[in-house]
Amino acid sequence: MKGNKGNKFVLKLTKLLLIAIPSLAILIPIAAAKLTGSLSEDAITERMQPMGKVNVENAGATNAPAAVAGVGGPKDIFEHNCKMCHATGLAGAPKFGNKADWAPRIAQGEDTLVKAAISGIRAMPPKGNCLQCTEADIKATVEYMINAAK
């Protein structure tokens, strides 16, 4: 009989520990967080703030509007949007003014080049990433680049 009581005690203790240990594993970190104040409303609000802030104050600035990439003539559009790839040949882009790079493309016809520039081709995003450019802007910029390679 004594052995039976001992087994029951061990069984009850085991059940208790199986419940208590996982509960403590959850409750201890919560209690520690509560004691350190990291669960306070202010602490949570502070953690939810953006990583940085943009300073829009422009001390001493003129009232002239800032230049926007893609606004202006074909040369401006090229300088602000196309040059990064077409000046160096990045990702296979034909280099600006390089007749050998442009000859096979020019042979396809201007309409084909304009269509590819508008919709994007291979690594080139649609409109060369000049999202505010109109199709007429893109066409004029393609013509500018073609003329530089002739």
N, C-alpha and C. Protein backbone atom coordinates (compact mmCIF):
# COMPACT_ATOMS: atom_id res chain seq x y z
N MET A 1 0.81 -1.20 0.00
CA MET A 1 0.00 0.00 0.00
C MET A 1 0.85 1.26 0.00
N LYS A 2 1.96 1.23 0.76
CA LYS A 2 2.80 2.42 0.83
C LYS A 2 3.35 2.77 -0.55
N GLY A 3 3.73 1.80 -1.33
CA GLY A 3 4.27 2.03 -2.68
C GLY A 3 3.23 2.64 -3.60
N ASN A 4 1.97 2.25 -3.42
CA ASN A 4 0.89 2.76 -4.23
C ASN A 4 0.67 4.25 -3.96
N LYS A 5 0.74 4.65 -2.68
CA LYS A 5 0.57 6.05 -2.31
C LYS A 5 1.73 6.88 -2.88
N GLY A 6 2.90 6.33 -2.88
CA GLY A 6 4.07 7.03 -3.41
C GLY A 6 3.94 7.26 -4.90
N ASN A 7 3.42 6.24 -5.60
CA ASN A 7 3.24 6.37 -7.05
C ASN A 7 2.18 7.43 -7.38
N LYS A 8 1.12 7.46 -6.57
CA LYS A 8 0.08 8.45 -6.80
C LYS A 8 0.62 9.86 -6.58
N PHE A 9 1.45 10.00 -5.55
CA PHE A 9 2.05 11.30 -5.26
C PHE A 9 2.94 11.75 -6.42
N VAL A 10 3.76 10.88 -6.94
CA VAL A 10 4.66 11.20 -8.05
C VAL A 10 3.84 11.55 -9.29
N LEU A 11 2.76 10.83 -9.53
CA LEU A 11 1.90 11.09 -10.67
C LEU A 11 1.25 12.47 -10.55
N LYS A 12 0.74 12.79 -9.35
CA LYS A 12 0.12 14.11 -9.13
C LYS A 12 1.16 15.22 -9.28
N LEU A 13 2.36 14.98 -8.73
CA LEU A 13 3.43 15.97 -8.82
C LEU A 13 3.84 16.19 -10.28
N THR A 14 3.92 15.14 -11.04
CA THR A 14 4.28 15.22 -12.46
C THR A 14 3.24 16.02 -13.22
N LYS A 15 1.95 15.74 -12.99
CA LYS A 15 0.87 16.47 -13.65
C LYS A 15 0.95 17.96 -13.30
N LEU A 16 1.20 18.24 -12.03
CA LEU A 16 1.30 19.62 -11.56
C LEU A 16 2.45 20.34 -12.26
N LEU A 17 3.58 19.66 -12.35
CA LEU A 17 4.75 20.26 -13.00
C LEU A 17 4.52 20.46 -14.51
N LEU A 18 3.81 19.54 -15.13
CA LEU A 18 3.52 19.66 -16.56
C LEU A 18 2.63 20.87 -16.86
N ILE A 19 1.86 21.26 -15.88
CA ILE A 19 1.01 22.44 -16.04
C ILE A 19 1.76 23.70 -15.59
N ALA A 20 2.47 23.60 -14.49
CA ALA A 20 3.10 24.77 -13.88
C ALA A 20 4.28 25.30 -14.70
N ILE A 21 5.12 24.44 -15.20
CA ILE A 21 6.34 24.90 -15.89
C ILE A 21 6.01 25.69 -17.16
N PRO A 22 5.15 25.18 -18.05
CA PRO A 22 4.82 26.00 -19.22
C PRO A 22 4.12 27.31 -18.84
N SER A 23 3.30 27.26 -17.80
CA SER A 23 2.61 28.47 -17.36
C SER A 23 3.61 29.50 -16.87
N LEU A 24 4.61 29.05 -16.13
CA LEU A 24 5.64 29.96 -15.63
C LEU A 24 6.48 30.52 -16.78
N ALA A 25 6.71 29.68 -17.79
CA ALA A 25 7.49 30.14 -18.94
C ALA A 25 6.78 31.27 -19.66
N ILE A 26 5.48 31.32 -19.57
CA ILE A 26 4.71 32.40 -20.20
C ILE A 26 4.56 33.58 -19.24
N LEU A 27 4.29 33.29 -17.98
CA LEU A 27 3.99 34.35 -17.01
C LEU A 27 5.22 35.14 -16.57
N ILE A 28 6.36 34.51 -16.46
CA ILE A 28 7.56 35.21 -15.98
C ILE A 28 7.95 36.35 -16.92
N PRO A 29 8.05 36.13 -18.24
CA PRO A 29 8.39 37.27 -19.11
C PRO A 29 7.34 38.39 -19.08
N ILE A 30 6.08 38.01 -18.96
CA ILE A 30 5.03 39.03 -18.88
C ILE A 30 5.18 39.84 -17.60
N ALA A 31 5.44 39.16 -16.50
CA ALA A 31 5.62 39.85 -15.23
C ALA A 31 6.85 40.75 -15.28
N ALA A 32 7.94 40.28 -15.88
CA ALA A 32 9.15 41.08 -15.99
C ALA A 32 8.89 42.32 -16.85
N ALA A 33 8.16 42.15 -17.94
CA ALA A 33 7.84 43.28 -18.82
C ALA A 33 6.97 44.28 -18.08
N LYS A 34 6.03 43.77 -17.30
CA LYS A 34 5.14 44.65 -16.54
C LYS A 34 5.94 45.43 -15.49
N LEU A 35 6.88 44.77 -14.83
CA LEU A 35 7.68 45.43 -13.81
C LEU A 35 8.63 46.47 -14.40
N THR A 36 9.16 46.23 -15.59
CA THR A 36 10.08 47.18 -16.20
C THR A 36 9.35 48.33 -16.88
N GLY A 37 8.04 48.21 -17.04
CA GLY A 37 7.26 49.28 -17.64
C GLY A 37 7.18 49.18 -19.16
N SER A 38 7.73 48.12 -19.75
CA SER A 38 7.73 48.02 -21.20
C SER A 38 6.35 47.70 -21.77
N LEU A 39 5.38 47.39 -20.91
CA LEU A 39 4.02 47.16 -21.38
C LEU A 39 3.12 48.36 -21.14
N SER A 40 3.72 49.45 -20.64
CA SER A 40 2.90 50.64 -20.41
C SER A 40 2.46 51.22 -21.75
N GLU A 41 1.38 51.95 -21.73
CA GLU A 41 0.84 52.53 -22.97
C GLU A 41 1.87 53.45 -23.62
N ASP A 42 2.59 54.23 -22.80
CA ASP A 42 3.60 55.14 -23.35
C ASP A 42 4.74 54.38 -24.02
N ALA A 43 5.19 53.29 -23.39
CA ALA A 43 6.29 52.50 -23.95
C ALA A 43 5.87 51.85 -25.27
N ILE A 44 4.66 51.35 -25.32
CA ILE A 44 4.17 50.73 -26.55
C ILE A 44 4.03 51.78 -27.65
N THR A 45 3.49 52.95 -27.31
CA THR A 45 3.34 54.03 -28.28
C THR A 45 4.70 54.45 -28.82
N GLU A 46 5.68 54.55 -27.95
CA GLU A 46 7.02 54.94 -28.38
C GLU A 46 7.62 53.91 -29.34
N ARG A 47 7.41 52.62 -29.07
CA ARG A 47 7.95 51.58 -29.95
C ARG A 47 7.26 51.58 -31.31
N MET A 48 6.06 52.09 -31.38
CA MET A 48 5.31 52.08 -32.64
C MET A 48 5.61 53.30 -33.51
N GLN A 49 6.44 54.22 -33.03
CA GLN A 49 6.78 55.40 -33.80
C GLN A 49 7.64 55.00 -35.01
N PRO A 50 7.58 55.78 -36.10
CA PRO A 50 8.41 55.49 -37.27
C PRO A 50 9.89 55.57 -36.91
N MET A 51 10.71 54.89 -37.70
CA MET A 51 12.15 54.87 -37.45
C MET A 51 12.77 56.25 -37.64
N GLY A 52 12.24 57.04 -38.52
CA GLY A 52 12.78 58.37 -38.77
C GLY A 52 11.67 59.33 -39.11
N LYS A 53 12.01 60.57 -39.16
CA LYS A 53 11.02 61.58 -39.50
C LYS A 53 11.61 62.49 -40.57
N VAL A 54 10.76 62.98 -41.43
CA VAL A 54 11.19 63.88 -42.48
C VAL A 54 11.01 65.31 -42.00
N ASN A 55 12.06 66.10 -42.14
CA ASN A 55 11.98 67.50 -41.77
C ASN A 55 11.59 68.28 -43.01
N VAL A 56 10.38 68.81 -43.01
CA VAL A 56 9.90 69.52 -44.18
C VAL A 56 10.11 71.03 -44.08
N GLU A 57 10.69 71.47 -43.00
CA GLU A 57 11.00 72.89 -42.88
C GLU A 57 12.13 73.19 -43.84
N ASN A 58 12.05 74.32 -44.49
CA ASN A 58 13.03 74.67 -45.50
C ASN A 58 13.50 76.08 -45.21
N ALA A 59 14.36 76.23 -44.22
CA ALA A 59 14.80 77.55 -43.79
C ALA A 59 15.54 78.26 -44.92
N GLY A 60 15.12 79.49 -45.20
CA GLY A 60 15.78 80.31 -46.20
C GLY A 60 15.53 79.89 -47.63
N ALA A 61 14.59 79.03 -47.85
CA ALA A 61 14.33 78.55 -49.22
C ALA A 61 13.51 79.57 -49.98
N THR A 62 13.69 79.54 -51.28
CA THR A 62 12.87 80.39 -52.13
C THR A 62 11.54 79.71 -52.35
N ASN A 63 10.63 80.39 -52.93
CA ASN A 63 9.33 79.80 -53.22
C ASN A 63 9.30 79.06 -54.54
N ALA A 64 10.45 78.89 -55.18
CA ALA A 64 10.50 78.18 -56.46
C ALA A 64 10.25 76.70 -56.21
N PRO A 65 9.45 76.08 -57.09
CA PRO A 65 9.18 74.65 -56.92
C PRO A 65 10.45 73.83 -57.15
N ALA A 66 10.55 72.74 -56.44
CA ALA A 66 11.70 71.86 -56.59
C ALA A 66 11.62 71.13 -57.93
N ALA A 67 12.78 70.82 -58.48
CA ALA A 67 12.81 70.09 -59.75
C ALA A 67 12.29 68.67 -59.52
N VAL A 68 11.47 68.21 -60.41
CA VAL A 68 10.91 66.87 -60.31
C VAL A 68 11.49 66.04 -61.45
N ALA A 69 11.98 64.86 -61.13
CA ALA A 69 12.55 63.99 -62.16
C ALA A 69 11.52 63.74 -63.25
N GLY A 70 11.93 63.96 -64.49
CA GLY A 70 11.03 63.68 -65.60
C GLY A 70 10.31 64.91 -66.11
N VAL A 71 10.37 65.99 -65.37
CA VAL A 71 9.70 67.20 -65.81
C VAL A 71 10.71 67.99 -66.63
N GLY A 72 10.29 68.41 -67.79
CA GLY A 72 11.18 69.17 -68.67
C GLY A 72 11.29 68.48 -70.00
N GLY A 73 12.33 68.84 -70.73
CA GLY A 73 12.53 68.29 -72.06
C GLY A 73 13.17 66.91 -72.02
N PRO A 74 13.39 66.35 -73.20
CA PRO A 74 13.99 65.00 -73.29
C PRO A 74 15.35 64.89 -72.59
N LYS A 75 16.16 65.95 -72.70
CA LYS A 75 17.48 65.91 -72.05
C LYS A 75 17.31 65.82 -70.53
N ASP A 76 16.38 66.61 -69.97
CA ASP A 76 16.13 66.56 -68.52
C ASP A 76 15.62 65.19 -68.09
N ILE A 77 14.70 64.65 -68.88
CA ILE A 77 14.15 63.32 -68.56
C ILE A 77 15.26 62.28 -68.60
N PHE A 78 16.12 62.36 -69.63
CA PHE A 78 17.24 61.43 -69.71
C PHE A 78 18.14 61.58 -68.48
N GLU A 79 18.50 62.80 -68.13
CA GLU A 79 19.42 63.05 -67.01
C GLU A 79 18.86 62.53 -65.68
N HIS A 80 17.55 62.68 -65.48
CA HIS A 80 16.96 62.31 -64.19
C HIS A 80 16.47 60.87 -64.11
N ASN A 81 16.23 60.23 -65.25
CA ASN A 81 15.61 58.90 -65.21
C ASN A 81 16.38 57.83 -65.96
N CYS A 82 16.97 58.18 -67.07
CA CYS A 82 17.55 57.17 -67.97
C CYS A 82 19.06 57.02 -67.79
N LYS A 83 19.71 58.10 -67.42
CA LYS A 83 21.16 58.16 -67.40
C LYS A 83 21.81 57.08 -66.53
N MET A 84 21.17 56.77 -65.41
CA MET A 84 21.77 55.81 -64.48
C MET A 84 22.13 54.51 -65.19
N CYS A 85 21.28 54.03 -66.06
CA CYS A 85 21.56 52.77 -66.76
C CYS A 85 22.20 53.00 -68.12
N HIS A 86 21.70 54.00 -68.86
CA HIS A 86 22.16 54.19 -70.23
C HIS A 86 23.53 54.88 -70.32
N ALA A 87 24.03 55.46 -69.26
CA ALA A 87 25.37 56.05 -69.29
C ALA A 87 26.44 54.97 -69.13
N THR A 88 26.10 53.90 -68.43
CA THR A 88 27.10 52.87 -68.12
C THR A 88 26.83 51.53 -68.79
N GLY A 89 25.63 51.36 -69.33
CA GLY A 89 25.27 50.06 -69.92
C GLY A 89 24.79 49.07 -68.87
N LEU A 90 24.37 49.59 -67.73
CA LEU A 90 23.91 48.74 -66.63
C LEU A 90 22.79 47.81 -67.09
N ALA A 91 22.89 46.55 -66.73
CA ALA A 91 21.89 45.52 -67.04
C ALA A 91 21.63 45.38 -68.54
N GLY A 92 22.65 45.66 -69.34
CA GLY A 92 22.52 45.49 -70.78
C GLY A 92 21.89 46.66 -71.52
N ALA A 93 21.69 47.77 -70.83
CA ALA A 93 21.11 48.95 -71.48
C ALA A 93 22.09 49.48 -72.52
N PRO A 94 21.59 49.88 -73.71
CA PRO A 94 22.49 50.46 -74.70
C PRO A 94 23.04 51.79 -74.18
N LYS A 95 24.35 51.97 -74.29
CA LYS A 95 24.98 53.18 -73.77
C LYS A 95 24.62 54.39 -74.62
N PHE A 96 24.36 55.49 -73.95
CA PHE A 96 23.99 56.73 -74.61
C PHE A 96 25.10 57.14 -75.58
N GLY A 97 24.72 57.40 -76.84
CA GLY A 97 25.66 57.86 -77.84
C GLY A 97 26.50 56.76 -78.48
N ASN A 98 26.37 55.52 -78.05
CA ASN A 98 27.17 54.41 -78.58
C ASN A 98 26.47 53.82 -79.80
N LYS A 99 27.03 54.08 -80.98
CA LYS A 99 26.40 53.65 -82.23
C LYS A 99 26.28 52.13 -82.31
N ALA A 100 27.29 51.42 -81.85
CA ALA A 100 27.25 49.94 -81.93
C ALA A 100 26.14 49.37 -81.04
N ASP A 101 25.94 49.95 -79.88
CA ASP A 101 24.87 49.49 -78.97
C ASP A 101 23.49 49.78 -79.56
N TRP A 102 23.34 50.94 -80.18
CA TRP A 102 22.03 51.39 -80.63
C TRP A 102 21.64 50.91 -82.02
N ALA A 103 22.62 50.58 -82.88
CA ALA A 103 22.31 50.21 -84.27
C ALA A 103 21.28 49.10 -84.39
N PRO A 104 21.43 47.96 -83.67
CA PRO A 104 20.40 46.91 -83.81
C PRO A 104 19.03 47.34 -83.29
N ARG A 105 19.02 48.20 -82.35
CA ARG A 105 17.74 48.68 -81.81
C ARG A 105 17.08 49.66 -82.77
N ILE A 106 17.89 50.56 -83.31
CA ILE A 106 17.37 51.54 -84.27
C ILE A 106 16.80 50.81 -85.48
N ALA A 107 17.44 49.69 -85.85
CA ALA A 107 16.97 48.91 -87.00
C ALA A 107 15.56 48.35 -86.77
N GLN A 108 15.15 48.19 -85.52
CA GLN A 108 13.81 47.69 -85.21
C GLN A 108 12.73 48.74 -85.48
N GLY A 109 13.15 49.98 -85.55
CA GLY A 109 12.21 51.06 -85.79
C GLY A 109 11.89 51.83 -84.52
N GLU A 110 11.66 53.11 -84.71
CA GLU A 110 11.40 54.00 -83.57
C GLU A 110 10.14 53.60 -82.81
N ASP A 111 9.10 53.20 -83.52
CA ASP A 111 7.84 52.83 -82.86
C ASP A 111 8.06 51.65 -81.90
N THR A 112 8.87 50.68 -82.33
CA THR A 112 9.16 49.51 -81.48
C THR A 112 9.91 49.95 -80.23
N LEU A 113 10.89 50.86 -80.39
CA LEU A 113 11.66 51.34 -79.24
C LEU A 113 10.79 52.14 -78.28
N VAL A 114 9.92 52.97 -78.82
CA VAL A 114 9.03 53.77 -77.97
C VAL A 114 8.08 52.85 -77.20
N LYS A 115 7.53 51.88 -77.90
CA LYS A 115 6.61 50.93 -77.24
C LYS A 115 7.32 50.19 -76.10
N ALA A 116 8.56 49.73 -76.35
CA ALA A 116 9.33 49.02 -75.32
C ALA A 116 9.65 49.95 -74.15
N ALA A 117 9.96 51.22 -74.45
CA ALA A 117 10.27 52.17 -73.38
C ALA A 117 9.04 52.45 -72.52
N ILE A 118 7.88 52.51 -73.14
CA ILE A 118 6.64 52.79 -72.39
C ILE A 118 6.24 51.60 -71.53
N SER A 119 6.30 50.40 -72.10
CA SER A 119 5.85 49.22 -71.35
C SER A 119 6.95 48.59 -70.50
N GLY A 120 8.20 48.90 -70.79
CA GLY A 120 9.33 48.30 -70.08
C GLY A 120 9.81 47.08 -70.83
N ILE A 121 11.09 46.80 -70.71
CA ILE A 121 11.68 45.64 -71.40
C ILE A 121 12.87 45.14 -70.59
N ARG A 122 12.95 43.84 -70.44
CA ARG A 122 13.99 43.19 -69.63
C ARG A 122 14.13 43.91 -68.28
N ALA A 123 15.30 44.44 -67.96
CA ALA A 123 15.50 45.07 -66.65
C ALA A 123 14.95 46.50 -66.58
N MET A 124 14.55 47.05 -67.71
CA MET A 124 14.05 48.43 -67.72
C MET A 124 12.59 48.47 -67.28
N PRO A 125 12.29 49.26 -66.26
CA PRO A 125 10.89 49.37 -65.80
C PRO A 125 10.07 50.18 -66.79
N PRO A 126 8.74 50.08 -66.72
CA PRO A 126 7.90 50.89 -67.59
C PRO A 126 8.25 52.38 -67.47
N LYS A 127 8.31 53.02 -68.62
CA LYS A 127 8.63 54.45 -68.73
C LYS A 127 9.99 54.78 -68.12
N GLY A 128 10.86 53.78 -68.03
CA GLY A 128 12.18 54.03 -67.45
C GLY A 128 12.08 54.56 -66.03
N ASN A 129 10.97 54.25 -65.39
CA ASN A 129 10.66 54.67 -64.03
C ASN A 129 10.29 56.15 -63.93
N CYS A 130 10.01 56.77 -65.06
CA CYS A 130 9.54 58.17 -65.07
C CYS A 130 8.02 58.12 -65.07
N LEU A 131 7.45 57.84 -63.92
CA LEU A 131 6.02 57.60 -63.82
C LEU A 131 5.17 58.82 -64.17
N GLN A 132 5.71 60.02 -63.99
CA GLN A 132 4.95 61.22 -64.31
C GLN A 132 5.10 61.62 -65.78
N CYS A 133 5.97 60.93 -66.53
CA CYS A 133 6.15 61.23 -67.95
C CYS A 133 4.96 60.73 -68.76
N THR A 134 4.60 61.53 -69.75
CA THR A 134 3.54 61.11 -70.67
C THR A 134 4.17 60.25 -71.75
N GLU A 135 3.33 59.62 -72.56
CA GLU A 135 3.85 58.83 -73.68
C GLU A 135 4.60 59.73 -74.65
N ALA A 136 4.14 60.97 -74.81
CA ALA A 136 4.83 61.93 -75.69
C ALA A 136 6.21 62.27 -75.13
N ASP A 137 6.31 62.39 -73.79
CA ASP A 137 7.62 62.64 -73.15
C ASP A 137 8.57 61.48 -73.42
N ILE A 138 8.06 60.26 -73.29
CA ILE A 138 8.90 59.07 -73.51
C ILE A 138 9.34 59.02 -74.97
N LYS A 139 8.42 59.29 -75.89
CA LYS A 139 8.74 59.27 -77.32
C LYS A 139 9.84 60.28 -77.62
N ALA A 140 9.71 61.48 -77.10
CA ALA A 140 10.71 62.53 -77.34
C ALA A 140 12.06 62.14 -76.74
N THR A 141 12.05 61.50 -75.60
CA THR A 141 13.30 61.08 -74.96
C THR A 141 13.96 59.96 -75.75
N VAL A 142 13.18 59.03 -76.25
CA VAL A 142 13.72 57.96 -77.10
C VAL A 142 14.34 58.57 -78.35
N GLU A 143 13.67 59.53 -78.96
CA GLU A 143 14.21 60.21 -80.15
C GLU A 143 15.52 60.91 -79.80
N TYR A 144 15.60 61.54 -78.65
CA TYR A 144 16.81 62.20 -78.18
C TYR A 144 17.96 61.20 -78.08
N MET A 145 17.67 60.03 -77.53
CA MET A 145 18.71 59.01 -77.36
C MET A 145 19.12 58.42 -78.71
N ILE A 146 18.15 58.21 -79.61
CA ILE A 146 18.45 57.70 -80.95
C ILE A 146 19.34 58.69 -81.71
N ASN A 147 18.98 59.96 -81.65
CA ASN A 147 19.74 60.99 -82.37
C ASN A 147 21.18 61.08 -81.85
N ALA A 148 21.38 60.83 -80.58
CA ALA A 148 22.74 60.87 -80.01
C ALA A 148 23.60 59.72 -80.51
N ALA A 149 22.95 58.65 -80.97
CA ALA A 149 23.68 57.46 -81.40
C ALA A 149 23.84 57.38 -82.92
N LYS A 150 23.35 58.35 -83.64
CA LYS A 150 23.45 58.32 -85.11
C LYS A 150 24.75 58.93 -85.57
